[in-house]
Amino acid sequence: MSVAQKTIVKTYDDLDGSEIDAEGKSVSFSFDGTSYEIDLSGKNVAKMREDFRVYIDKARKVSNRGRGSARSEPAPLDTKAVRAWAEEQGLEVSARGRLSSELIEQYRAAH
């Protein structure tokens, strides 16, 4: 007899612990030369945009071209996709919070 399994991956807001809704996502940003990523619900994505608006409206956009660096930043990660992929591979992955650099490297190597 065969048993069917269904894996459900849920992602939770890093700020308030709520389950991320359809409007939620991982948000990448940089500050003082350091890049960050945070998983947010739709409500908290909107709040972050609102909070940053005063700074964005006064800021200059910066192009990465011509900085003299041969290294380029990797594309932002879809943490939901990484978690789903890890589950499919039978890898241990937390339902919320930061993903380990080892897991991210494995995911990028596979894609």
PDB file of N, CA and C in Angstrom:
ATOM      1  N   MET A   1       0.833  -1.180   0.000  1.00  0.00           N
ATOM      2  CA  MET A   1       0.000   0.000   0.000  1.00  0.00           C
ATOM      3  C   MET A   1       0.883   1.250   0.000  1.00  0.00           C
ATOM      4  N   SER A   2       0.561   2.189  -0.823  1.00  0.00           N
ATOM      5  CA  SER A   2       1.307   3.423  -0.961  1.00  0.00           C
ATOM      6  C   SER A   2       0.653   4.523  -0.124  1.00  0.00           C
ATOM      7  N   VAL A   3       1.472   5.339   0.493  1.00  0.00           N
ATOM      8  CA  VAL A   3       0.969   6.427   1.314  1.00  0.00           C
ATOM      9  C   VAL A   3       1.340   7.743   0.643  1.00  0.00           C
ATOM     10  N   ALA A   4       0.366   8.617   0.480  1.00  0.00           N
ATOM     11  CA  ALA A   4       0.619   9.927  -0.121  1.00  0.00           C
ATOM     12  C   ALA A   4       1.005  10.911   0.961  1.00  0.00           C
ATOM     13  N   GLN A   5       1.906  11.787   0.611  1.00  0.00           N
ATOM     14  CA  GLN A   5       2.316  12.829   1.541  1.00  0.00           C
ATOM     15  C   GLN A   5       2.144  14.183   0.879  1.00  0.00           C
ATOM     16  N   LYS A   6       1.811  15.154   1.694  1.00  0.00           N
ATOM     17  CA  LYS A   6       1.707  16.520   1.205  1.00  0.00           C
ATOM     18  C   LYS A   6       2.508  17.393   2.171  1.00  0.00           C
ATOM     19  N   THR A   7       3.495  18.088   1.645  1.00  0.00           N
ATOM     20  CA  THR A   7       4.305  18.978   2.450  1.00  0.00           C
ATOM     21  C   THR A   7       3.787  20.389   2.277  1.00  0.00           C
ATOM     22  N   ILE A   8       3.521  21.024   3.389  1.00  0.00           N
ATOM     23  CA  ILE A   8       3.047  22.408   3.369  1.00  0.00           C
ATOM     24  C   ILE A   8       4.123  23.274   4.006  1.00  0.00           C
ATOM     25  N   VAL A   9       4.578  24.260   3.252  1.00  0.00           N
ATOM     26  CA  VAL A   9       5.591  25.180   3.760  1.00  0.00           C
ATOM     27  C   VAL A   9       4.894  26.496   4.085  1.00  0.00           C
ATOM     28  N   LYS A  10       5.022  26.906   5.323  1.00  0.00           N
ATOM     29  CA  LYS A  10       4.444  28.171   5.749  1.00  0.00           C
ATOM     30  C   LYS A  10       5.583  29.106   6.114  1.00  0.00           C
ATOM     31  N   THR A  11       5.428  30.363   5.746  1.00  0.00           N
ATOM     32  CA  THR A  11       6.433  31.362   6.063  1.00  0.00           C
ATOM     33  C   THR A  11       5.806  32.362   7.023  1.00  0.00           C
ATOM     34  N   TYR A  12       6.599  32.790   7.987  1.00  0.00           N
ATOM     35  CA  TYR A  12       6.094  33.687   9.020  1.00  0.00           C
ATOM     36  C   TYR A  12       6.839  35.011   9.007  1.00  0.00           C
ATOM     37  N   ASP A  13       6.104  36.062   9.327  1.00  0.00           N
ATOM     38  CA  ASP A  13       6.630  37.417   9.385  1.00  0.00           C
ATOM     39  C   ASP A  13       7.715  37.494  10.455  1.00  0.00           C
ATOM     40  N   ASP A  14       8.887  38.013  10.067  1.00  0.00           N
ATOM     41  CA  ASP A  14       9.998  38.123  11.007  1.00  0.00           C
ATOM     42  C   ASP A  14       9.748  39.167  12.098  1.00  0.00           C
ATOM     43  N   LEU A  15       8.820  40.099  11.870  1.00  0.00           N
ATOM     44  CA  LEU A  15       8.544  41.127  12.882  1.00  0.00           C
ATOM     45  C   LEU A  15       7.531  40.676  13.918  1.00  0.00           C
ATOM     46  N   ASP A  16       6.387  40.191  13.449  1.00  0.00           N
ATOM     47  CA  ASP A  16       5.320  39.901  14.408  1.00  0.00           C
ATOM     48  C   ASP A  16       4.952  38.422  14.516  1.00  0.00           C
ATOM     49  N   GLY A  17       5.602  37.554  13.747  1.00  0.00           N
ATOM     50  CA  GLY A  17       5.351  36.120  13.857  1.00  0.00           C
ATOM     51  C   GLY A  17       4.093  35.631  13.175  1.00  0.00           C
ATOM     52  N   SER A  18       3.345  36.539  12.533  1.00  0.00           N
ATOM     53  CA  SER A  18       2.121  36.121  11.852  1.00  0.00           C
ATOM     54  C   SER A  18       2.468  35.363  10.570  1.00  0.00           C
ATOM     55  N   GLU A  19       1.545  34.488  10.141  1.00  0.00           N
ATOM     56  CA  GLU A  19       1.759  33.765   8.891  1.00  0.00           C
ATOM     57  C   GLU A  19       1.701  34.759   7.742  1.00  0.00           C
ATOM     58  N   ILE A  20       2.623  34.626   6.799  1.00  0.00           N
ATOM     59  CA  ILE A  20       2.680  35.574   5.679  1.00  0.00           C
ATOM     60  C   ILE A  20       1.544  35.291   4.703  1.00  0.00           C
ATOM     61  N   ASP A  21       0.842  36.349   4.356  1.00  0.00           N
ATOM     62  CA  ASP A  21      -0.287  36.279   3.440  1.00  0.00           C
ATOM     63  C   ASP A  21       0.195  36.394   1.996  1.00  0.00           C
ATOM     64  N   ALA A  22      -0.760  36.394   1.070  1.00  0.00           N
ATOM     65  CA  ALA A  22      -0.435  36.439  -0.359  1.00  0.00           C
ATOM     66  C   ALA A  22       0.321  37.708  -0.746  1.00  0.00           C
ATOM     67  N   GLU A  23       0.102  38.822  -0.031  1.00  0.00           N
ATOM     68  CA  GLU A  23       0.788  40.070  -0.344  1.00  0.00           C
ATOM     69  C   GLU A  23       2.163  40.147   0.320  1.00  0.00           C
ATOM     70  N   GLY A  24       2.465  39.220   1.193  1.00  0.00           N
ATOM     71  CA  GLY A  24       3.739  39.228   1.894  1.00  0.00           C
ATOM     72  C   GLY A  24       4.866  38.729   1.009  1.00  0.00           C
ATOM     73  N   LYS A  25       6.091  39.037   1.418  1.00  0.00           N
ATOM     74  CA  LYS A  25       7.242  38.601   0.631  1.00  0.00           C
ATOM     75  C   LYS A  25       8.523  38.837   1.409  1.00  0.00           C
ATOM     76  N   SER A  26       9.613  38.388   0.839  1.00  0.00           N
ATOM     77  CA  SER A  26      10.934  38.689   1.377  1.00  0.00           C
ATOM     78  C   SER A  26      11.350  40.031   0.800  1.00  0.00           C
ATOM     79  N   VAL A  27      11.801  40.919   1.656  1.00  0.00           N
ATOM     80  CA  VAL A  27      12.216  42.248   1.235  1.00  0.00           C
ATOM     81  C   VAL A  27      13.719  42.366   1.453  1.00  0.00           C
ATOM     82  N   SER A  28      14.439  42.751   0.408  1.00  0.00           N
ATOM     83  CA  SER A  28      15.877  42.975   0.490  1.00  0.00           C
ATOM     84  C   SER A  28      16.134  44.469   0.517  1.00  0.00           C
ATOM     85  N   PHE A  29      17.092  44.890   1.340  1.00  0.00           N
ATOM     86  CA  PHE A  29      17.479  46.290   1.374  1.00  0.00           C
ATOM     87  C   PHE A  29      18.916  46.393   1.879  1.00  0.00           C
ATOM     88  N   SER A  30      19.515  47.548   1.653  1.00  0.00           N
ATOM     89  CA  SER A  30      20.881  47.791   2.114  1.00  0.00           C
ATOM     90  C   SER A  30      20.897  49.050   2.961  1.00  0.00           C
ATOM     91  N   PHE A  31      21.767  49.038   3.961  1.00  0.00           N
ATOM     92  CA  PHE A  31      21.937  50.207   4.818  1.00  0.00           C
ATOM     93  C   PHE A  31      23.359  50.204   5.344  1.00  0.00           C
ATOM     94  N   ASP A  32      24.030  51.332   5.240  1.00  0.00           N
ATOM     95  CA  ASP A  32      25.424  51.464   5.687  1.00  0.00           C
ATOM     96  C   ASP A  32      26.326  50.383   5.103  1.00  0.00           C
ATOM     97  N   GLY A  33      26.103  50.056   3.826  1.00  0.00           N
ATOM     98  CA  GLY A  33      26.971  49.112   3.130  1.00  0.00           C
ATOM     99  C   GLY A  33      26.688  47.647   3.411  1.00  0.00           C
ATOM    100  N   THR A  34      25.661  47.341   4.188  1.00  0.00           N
ATOM    101  CA  THR A  34      25.312  45.959   4.496  1.00  0.00           C
ATOM    102  C   THR A  34      23.947  45.647   3.902  1.00  0.00           C
ATOM    103  N   SER A  35      23.845  44.484   3.233  1.00  0.00           N
ATOM    104  CA  SER A  35      22.579  44.058   2.643  1.00  0.00           C
ATOM    105  C   SER A  35      21.824  43.186   3.635  1.00  0.00           C
ATOM    106  N   TYR A  36      20.510  43.351   3.649  1.00  0.00           N
ATOM    107  CA  TYR A  36      19.642  42.614   4.559  1.00  0.00           C
ATOM    108  C   TYR A  36      18.469  42.023   3.790  1.00  0.00           C
ATOM    109  N   GLU A  37      17.828  41.023   4.372  1.00  0.00           N
ATOM    110  CA  GLU A  37      16.604  40.453   3.829  1.00  0.00           C
ATOM    111  C   GLU A  37      15.699  40.098   5.001  1.00  0.00           C
ATOM    112  N   ILE A  38      14.414  40.400   4.872  1.00  0.00           N
ATOM    113  CA  ILE A  38      13.457  40.126   5.933  1.00  0.00           C
ATOM    114  C   ILE A  38      12.159  39.634   5.310  1.00  0.00           C
ATOM    115  N   ASP A  39      11.515  38.655   5.946  1.00  0.00           N
ATOM    116  CA  ASP A  39      10.227  38.141   5.488  1.00  0.00           C
ATOM    117  C   ASP A  39       9.129  38.937   6.187  1.00  0.00           C
ATOM    118  N   LEU A  40       8.223  39.517   5.387  1.00  0.00           N
ATOM    119  CA  LEU A  40       7.176  40.377   5.944  1.00  0.00           C
ATOM    120  C   LEU A  40       5.806  40.047   5.374  1.00  0.00           C
ATOM    121  N   SER A  41       4.781  40.230   6.193  1.00  0.00           N
ATOM    122  CA  SER A  41       3.395  40.123   5.724  1.00  0.00           C
ATOM    123  C   SER A  41       3.098  41.335   4.850  1.00  0.00           C
ATOM    124  N   GLY A  42       2.008  41.280   4.109  1.00  0.00           N
ATOM    125  CA  GLY A  42       1.623  42.400   3.259  1.00  0.00           C
ATOM    126  C   GLY A  42       1.483  43.690   4.050  1.00  0.00           C
ATOM    127  N   LYS A  43       0.911  43.597   5.250  1.00  0.00           N
ATOM    128  CA  LYS A  43       0.722  44.765   6.111  1.00  0.00           C
ATOM    129  C   LYS A  43       2.071  45.382   6.480  1.00  0.00           C
ATOM    130  N   ASN A  44       3.043  44.546   6.833  1.00  0.00           N
ATOM    131  CA  ASN A  44       4.347  45.071   7.237  1.00  0.00           C
ATOM    132  C   ASN A  44       5.194  45.525   6.049  1.00  0.00           C
ATOM    133  N   VAL A  45       4.980  44.932   4.850  1.00  0.00           N
ATOM    134  CA  VAL A  45       5.647  45.435   3.642  1.00  0.00           C
ATOM    135  C   VAL A  45       5.172  46.865   3.382  1.00  0.00           C
ATOM    136  N   ALA A  46       3.850  47.073   3.475  1.00  0.00           N
ATOM    137  CA  ALA A  46       3.285  48.409   3.250  1.00  0.00           C
ATOM    138  C   ALA A  46       3.815  49.395   4.283  1.00  0.00           C
ATOM    139  N   LYS A  47       3.905  48.973   5.545  1.00  0.00           N
ATOM    140  CA  LYS A  47       4.411  49.854   6.604  1.00  0.00           C
ATOM    141  C   LYS A  47       5.876  50.199   6.364  1.00  0.00           C
ATOM    142  N   MET A  48       6.668  49.213   5.931  1.00  0.00           N
ATOM    143  CA  MET A  48       8.084  49.472   5.659  1.00  0.00           C
ATOM    144  C   MET A  48       8.217  50.488   4.528  1.00  0.00           C
ATOM    145  N   ARG A  49       7.416  50.314   3.468  1.00  0.00           N
ATOM    146  CA  ARG A  49       7.455  51.274   2.351  1.00  0.00           C
ATOM    147  C   ARG A  49       7.097  52.674   2.828  1.00  0.00           C
ATOM    148  N   GLU A  50       6.067  52.748   3.660  1.00  0.00           N
ATOM    149  CA  GLU A  50       5.628  54.042   4.186  1.00  0.00           C
ATOM    150  C   GLU A  50       6.733  54.670   5.048  1.00  0.00           C
ATOM    151  N   ASP A  51       7.346  53.864   5.916  1.00  0.00           N
ATOM    152  CA  ASP A  51       8.402  54.365   6.798  1.00  0.00           C
ATOM    153  C   ASP A  51       9.634  54.817   6.010  1.00  0.00           C
ATOM    154  N   PHE A  52       9.969  54.103   4.931  1.00  0.00           N
ATOM    155  CA  PHE A  52      11.153  54.438   4.125  1.00  0.00           C
ATOM    156  C   PHE A  52      10.878  55.599   3.168  1.00  0.00           C
ATOM    157  N   ARG A  53       9.620  55.867   2.873  1.00  0.00           N
ATOM    158  CA  ARG A  53       9.256  56.853   1.854  1.00  0.00           C
ATOM    159  C   ARG A  53       9.944  58.193   2.073  1.00  0.00           C
ATOM    160  N   VAL A  54       9.988  58.694   3.295  1.00  0.00           N
ATOM    161  CA  VAL A  54      10.596  59.994   3.578  1.00  0.00           C
ATOM    162  C   VAL A  54      12.073  60.010   3.169  1.00  0.00           C
ATOM    163  N   TYR A  55      12.761  58.894   3.320  1.00  0.00           N
ATOM    164  CA  TYR A  55      14.176  58.802   2.947  1.00  0.00           C
ATOM    165  C   TYR A  55      14.337  58.586   1.439  1.00  0.00           C
ATOM    166  N   ILE A  56      13.514  57.717   0.873  1.00  0.00           N
ATOM    167  CA  ILE A  56      13.586  57.416  -0.559  1.00  0.00           C
ATOM    168  C   ILE A  56      13.308  58.666  -1.389  1.00  0.00           C
ATOM    169  N   ASP A  57      12.313  59.461  -0.946  1.00  0.00           N
ATOM    170  CA  ASP A  57      11.968  60.679  -1.680  1.00  0.00           C
ATOM    171  C   ASP A  57      13.131  61.670  -1.744  1.00  0.00           C
ATOM    172  N   LYS A  58      14.028  61.653  -0.793  1.00  0.00           N
ATOM    173  CA  LYS A  58      15.159  62.587  -0.745  1.00  0.00           C
ATOM    174  C   LYS A  58      16.463  61.971  -1.242  1.00  0.00           C
ATOM    175  N   ALA A  59      16.472  60.663  -1.451  1.00  0.00           N
ATOM    176  CA  ALA A  59      17.716  59.956  -1.790  1.00  0.00           C
ATOM    177  C   ALA A  59      18.002  59.986  -3.288  1.00  0.00           C
ATOM    178  N   ARG A  60      19.261  59.696  -3.642  1.00  0.00           N
ATOM    179  CA  ARG A  60      19.681  59.526  -5.027  1.00  0.00           C
ATOM    180  C   ARG A  60      19.755  58.029  -5.312  1.00  0.00           C
ATOM    181  N   LYS A  61      19.334  57.625  -6.502  1.00  0.00           N
ATOM    182  CA  LYS A  61      19.513  56.238  -6.917  1.00  0.00           C
ATOM    183  C   LYS A  61      20.961  56.044  -7.305  1.00  0.00           C
ATOM    184  N   VAL A  62      21.517  54.880  -6.963  1.00  0.00           N
ATOM    185  CA  VAL A  62      22.910  54.584  -7.247  1.00  0.00           C
ATOM    186  C   VAL A  62      22.971  53.368  -8.150  1.00  0.00           C
ATOM    187  N   SER A  63      23.726  53.510  -9.231  1.00  0.00           N
ATOM    188  CA  SER A  63      23.922  52.399 -10.148  1.00  0.00           C
ATOM    189  C   SER A  63      25.132  51.609  -9.693  1.00  0.00           C
ATOM    190  N   ASN A  64      25.092  50.298  -9.848  1.00  0.00           N
ATOM    191  CA  ASN A  64      26.230  49.454  -9.501  1.00  0.00           C
ATOM    192  C   ASN A  64      27.290  49.463 -10.598  1.00  0.00           C
ATOM    193  N   ARG A  65      26.945  49.993 -11.764  1.00  0.00           N
ATOM    194  CA  ARG A  65      27.910  50.029 -12.864  1.00  0.00           C
ATOM    195  C   ARG A  65      29.028  51.005 -12.551  1.00  0.00           C
ATOM    196  N   GLY A  66      30.232  50.618 -12.950  1.00  0.00           N
ATOM    197  CA  GLY A  66      31.358  51.516 -12.800  1.00  0.00           C
ATOM    198  C   GLY A  66      31.950  51.568 -11.414  1.00  0.00           C
ATOM    199  N   ARG A  67      31.549  50.678 -10.543  1.00  0.00           N
ATOM    200  CA  ARG A  67      32.107  50.686  -9.189  1.00  0.00           C
ATOM    201  C   ARG A  67      33.453  49.977  -9.126  1.00  0.00           C
ATOM    202  N   GLY A  68      33.865  49.341 -10.240  1.00  0.00           N
ATOM    203  CA  GLY A  68      35.166  48.705 -10.267  1.00  0.00           C
ATOM    204  C   GLY A  68      35.183  47.329  -9.638  1.00  0.00           C
ATOM    205  N   SER A  69      34.060  46.821  -9.288  1.00  0.00           N
ATOM    206  CA  SER A  69      34.016  45.495  -8.675  1.00  0.00           C
ATOM    207  C   SER A  69      33.626  44.465  -9.720  1.00  0.00           C
ATOM    208  N   ALA A  70      34.421  43.422  -9.818  1.00  0.00           N
ATOM    209  CA  ALA A  70      34.110  42.354 -10.769  1.00  0.00           C
ATOM    210  C   ALA A  70      33.022  41.443 -10.216  1.00  0.00           C
ATOM    211  N   ARG A  71      32.789  41.523  -8.920  1.00  0.00           N
ATOM    212  CA  ARG A  71      31.802  40.668  -8.275  1.00  0.00           C
ATOM    213  C   ARG A  71      30.437  41.330  -8.332  1.00  0.00           C
ATOM    214  N   SER A  72      29.440  40.586  -8.729  1.00  0.00           N
ATOM    215  CA  SER A  72      28.095  41.143  -8.749  1.00  0.00           C
ATOM    216  C   SER A  72      27.275  40.511  -7.635  1.00  0.00           C
ATOM    217  N   GLU A  73      26.303  41.260  -7.154  1.00  0.00           N
ATOM    218  CA  GLU A  73      25.418  40.766  -6.107  1.00  0.00           C
ATOM    219  C   GLU A  73      24.505  39.699  -6.694  1.00  0.00           C
ATOM    220  N   PRO A  74      24.285  38.595  -5.967  1.00  0.00           N
ATOM    221  CA  PRO A  74      23.350  37.594  -6.456  1.00  0.00           C
ATOM    222  C   PRO A  74      21.927  38.150  -6.448  1.00  0.00           C
ATOM    223  N   ALA A  75      21.094  37.568  -7.276  1.00  0.00           N
ATOM    224  CA  ALA A  75      19.697  37.993  -7.336  1.00  0.00           C
ATOM    225  C   ALA A  75      19.033  37.756  -5.983  1.00  0.00           C
ATOM    226  N   PRO A  76      18.074  38.610  -5.599  1.00  0.00           N
ATOM    227  CA  PRO A  76      17.374  38.402  -4.335  1.00  0.00           C
ATOM    228  C   PRO A  76      16.700  37.027  -4.325  1.00  0.00           C
ATOM    229  N   LEU A  77      16.663  36.431  -3.162  1.00  0.00           N
ATOM    230  CA  LEU A  77      16.087  35.094  -3.025  1.00  0.00           C
ATOM    231  C   LEU A  77      14.612  35.145  -2.707  1.00  0.00           C
ATOM    232  N   ASP A  78      13.876  34.221  -3.260  1.00  0.00           N
ATOM    233  CA  ASP A  78      12.493  33.985  -2.864  1.00  0.00           C
ATOM    234  C   ASP A  78      12.563  32.923  -1.770  1.00  0.00           C
ATOM    235  N   THR A  79      12.501  33.357  -0.509  1.00  0.00           N
ATOM    236  CA  THR A  79      12.701  32.416   0.595  1.00  0.00           C
ATOM    237  C   THR A  79      11.625  31.338   0.645  1.00  0.00           C
ATOM    238  N   LYS A  80      10.429  31.654   0.155  1.00  0.00           N
ATOM    239  CA  LYS A  80       9.378  30.619   0.095  1.00  0.00           C
ATOM    240  C   LYS A  80       9.823  29.501  -0.842  1.00  0.00           C
ATOM    241  N   ALA A  81      10.384  29.880  -1.991  1.00  0.00           N
ATOM    242  CA  ALA A  81      10.841  28.882  -2.957  1.00  0.00           C
ATOM    243  C   ALA A  81      12.010  28.076  -2.396  1.00  0.00           C
ATOM    244  N   VAL A  82      12.917  28.733  -1.668  1.00  0.00           N
ATOM    245  CA  VAL A  82      14.060  28.032  -1.083  1.00  0.00           C
ATOM    246  C   VAL A  82      13.568  27.021  -0.056  1.00  0.00           C
ATOM    247  N   ARG A  83      12.635  27.443   0.797  1.00  0.00           N
ATOM    248  CA  ARG A  83      12.099  26.525   1.817  1.00  0.00           C
ATOM    249  C   ARG A  83      11.377  25.348   1.170  1.00  0.00           C
ATOM    250  N   ALA A  84      10.578  25.615   0.142  1.00  0.00           N
ATOM    251  CA  ALA A  84       9.863  24.539  -0.552  1.00  0.00           C
ATOM    252  C   ALA A  84      10.857  23.575  -1.194  1.00  0.00           C
ATOM    253  N   TRP A  85      11.894  24.106  -1.840  1.00  0.00           N
ATOM    254  CA  TRP A  85      12.912  23.274  -2.467  1.00  0.00           C
ATOM    255  C   TRP A  85      13.611  22.417  -1.414  1.00  0.00           C
ATOM    256  N   ALA A  86      13.974  23.024  -0.294  1.00  0.00           N
ATOM    257  CA  ALA A  86      14.671  22.288   0.773  1.00  0.00           C
ATOM    258  C   ALA A  86      13.806  21.147   1.293  1.00  0.00           C
ATOM    259  N   GLU A  87      12.520  21.414   1.483  1.00  0.00           N
ATOM    260  CA  GLU A  87      11.592  20.361   1.933  1.00  0.00           C
ATOM    261  C   GLU A  87      11.558  19.219   0.928  1.00  0.00           C
ATOM    262  N   GLU A  88      11.484  19.556  -0.369  1.00  0.00           N
ATOM    263  CA  GLU A  88      11.463  18.541  -1.423  1.00  0.00           C
ATOM    264  C   GLU A  88      12.728  17.695  -1.417  1.00  0.00           C
ATOM    265  N   GLN A  89      13.853  18.319  -1.026  1.00  0.00           N
ATOM    266  CA  GLN A  89      15.128  17.609  -0.994  1.00  0.00           C
ATOM    267  C   GLN A  89      15.322  16.830   0.300  1.00  0.00           C
ATOM    268  N   GLY A  90      14.370  16.954   1.228  1.00  0.00           N
ATOM    269  CA  GLY A  90      14.492  16.278   2.508  1.00  0.00           C
ATOM    270  C   GLY A  90      15.459  16.964   3.457  1.00  0.00           C
ATOM    271  N   LEU A  91      15.751  18.236   3.194  1.00  0.00           N
ATOM    272  CA  LEU A  91      16.677  18.997   4.043  1.00  0.00           C
ATOM    273  C   LEU A  91      15.909  19.652   5.180  1.00  0.00           C
ATOM    274  N   GLU A  92      16.559  19.789   6.320  1.00  0.00           N
ATOM    275  CA  GLU A  92      15.940  20.466   7.451  1.00  0.00           C
ATOM    276  C   GLU A  92      15.964  21.962   7.217  1.00  0.00           C
ATOM    277  N   VAL A  93      14.824  22.594   7.393  1.00  0.00           N
ATOM    278  CA  VAL A  93      14.737  24.040   7.215  1.00  0.00           C
ATOM    279  C   VAL A  93      13.692  24.573   8.187  1.00  0.00           C
ATOM    280  N   SER A  94      14.008  25.698   8.827  1.00  0.00           N
ATOM    281  CA  SER A  94      13.060  26.292   9.756  1.00  0.00           C
ATOM    282  C   SER A  94      11.923  26.943   8.983  1.00  0.00           C
ATOM    283  N   ALA A  95      10.767  27.018   9.611  1.00  0.00           N
ATOM    284  CA  ALA A  95       9.590  27.602   8.967  1.00  0.00           C
ATOM    285  C   ALA A  95       9.665  29.121   8.917  1.00  0.00           C
ATOM    286  N   ARG A  96      10.525  29.709   9.727  1.00  0.00           N
ATOM    287  CA  ARG A  96      10.646  31.171   9.725  1.00  0.00           C
ATOM    288  C   ARG A  96      12.062  31.569  10.075  1.00  0.00           C
ATOM    289  N   GLY A  97      12.344  32.838   9.919  1.00  0.00           N
ATOM    290  CA  GLY A  97      13.665  33.354  10.254  1.00  0.00           C
ATOM    291  C   GLY A  97      14.637  33.252   9.092  1.00  0.00           C
ATOM    292  N   ARG A  98      15.866  33.503   9.379  1.00  0.00           N
ATOM    293  CA  ARG A  98      16.909  33.517   8.359  1.00  0.00           C
ATOM    294  C   ARG A  98      17.241  32.111   7.881  1.00  0.00           C
ATOM    295  N   LEU A  99      17.562  32.018   6.606  1.00  0.00           N
ATOM    296  CA  LEU A  99      18.017  30.754   6.028  1.00  0.00           C
ATOM    297  C   LEU A  99      19.528  30.674   6.193  1.00  0.00           C
ATOM    298  N   SER A 100      20.040  29.486   6.434  1.00  0.00           N
ATOM    299  CA  SER A 100      21.486  29.333   6.602  1.00  0.00           C
ATOM    300  C   SER A 100      22.188  29.589   5.276  1.00  0.00           C
ATOM    301  N   SER A 101      23.410  30.086   5.367  1.00  0.00           N
ATOM    302  CA  SER A 101      24.177  30.358   4.146  1.00  0.00           C
ATOM    303  C   SER A 101      24.457  29.061   3.388  1.00  0.00           C
ATOM    304  N   GLU A 102      24.617  27.945   4.126  1.00  0.00           N
ATOM    305  CA  GLU A 102      24.846  26.656   3.473  1.00  0.00           C
ATOM    306  C   GLU A 102      23.639  26.254   2.626  1.00  0.00           C
ATOM    307  N   LEU A 103      22.430  26.440   3.184  1.00  0.00           N
ATOM    308  CA  LEU A 103      21.215  26.096   2.449  1.00  0.00           C
ATOM    309  C   LEU A 103      21.069  26.978   1.215  1.00  0.00           C
ATOM    310  N   ILE A 104      21.350  28.254   1.351  1.00  0.00           N
ATOM    311  CA  ILE A 104      21.261  29.178   0.218  1.00  0.00           C
ATOM    312  C   ILE A 104      22.254  28.781  -0.871  1.00  0.00           C
ATOM    313  N   GLU A 105      23.476  28.414  -0.470  1.00  0.00           N
ATOM    314  CA  GLU A 105      24.475  27.967  -1.453  1.00  0.00           C
ATOM    315  C   GLU A 105      23.999  26.719  -2.183  1.00  0.00           C
ATOM    316  N   GLN A 106      23.418  25.756  -1.451  1.00  0.00           N
ATOM    317  CA  GLN A 106      22.901  24.530  -2.074  1.00  0.00           C
ATOM    318  C   GLN A 106      21.797  24.865  -3.068  1.00  0.00           C
ATOM    319  N   TYR A 107      20.883  25.748  -2.663  1.00  0.00           N
ATOM    320  CA  TYR A 107      19.771  26.139  -3.530  1.00  0.00           C
ATOM    321  C   TYR A 107      20.299  26.798  -4.809  1.00  0.00           C
ATOM    322  N   ARG A 108      21.229  27.745  -4.660  1.00  0.00           N
ATOM    323  CA  ARG A 108      21.764  28.441  -5.842  1.00  0.00           C
ATOM    324  C   ARG A 108      22.523  27.498  -6.752  1.00  0.00           C
ATOM    325  N   ALA A 109      23.220  26.531  -6.176  1.00  0.00           N
ATOM    326  CA  ALA A 109      23.965  25.554  -6.988  1.00  0.00           C
ATOM    327  C   ALA A 109      22.994  24.674  -7.774  1.00  0.00           C
ATOM    328  N   ALA A 110      21.824  24.417  -7.221  1.00  0.00           N
ATOM    329  CA  ALA A 110      20.844  23.551  -7.885  1.00  0.00           C
ATOM    330  C   ALA A 110      20.039  24.293  -8.947  1.00  0.00           C
ATOM    331  N   HIS A 111      20.065  25.623  -8.907  1.00  0.00           N
ATOM    332  CA  HIS A 111      19.241  26.404  -9.846  1.00  0.00           C
ATOM    333  C   HIS A 111      20.082  27.240 -10.735  1.00  0.00           C
TER     334      HIS A 111
END
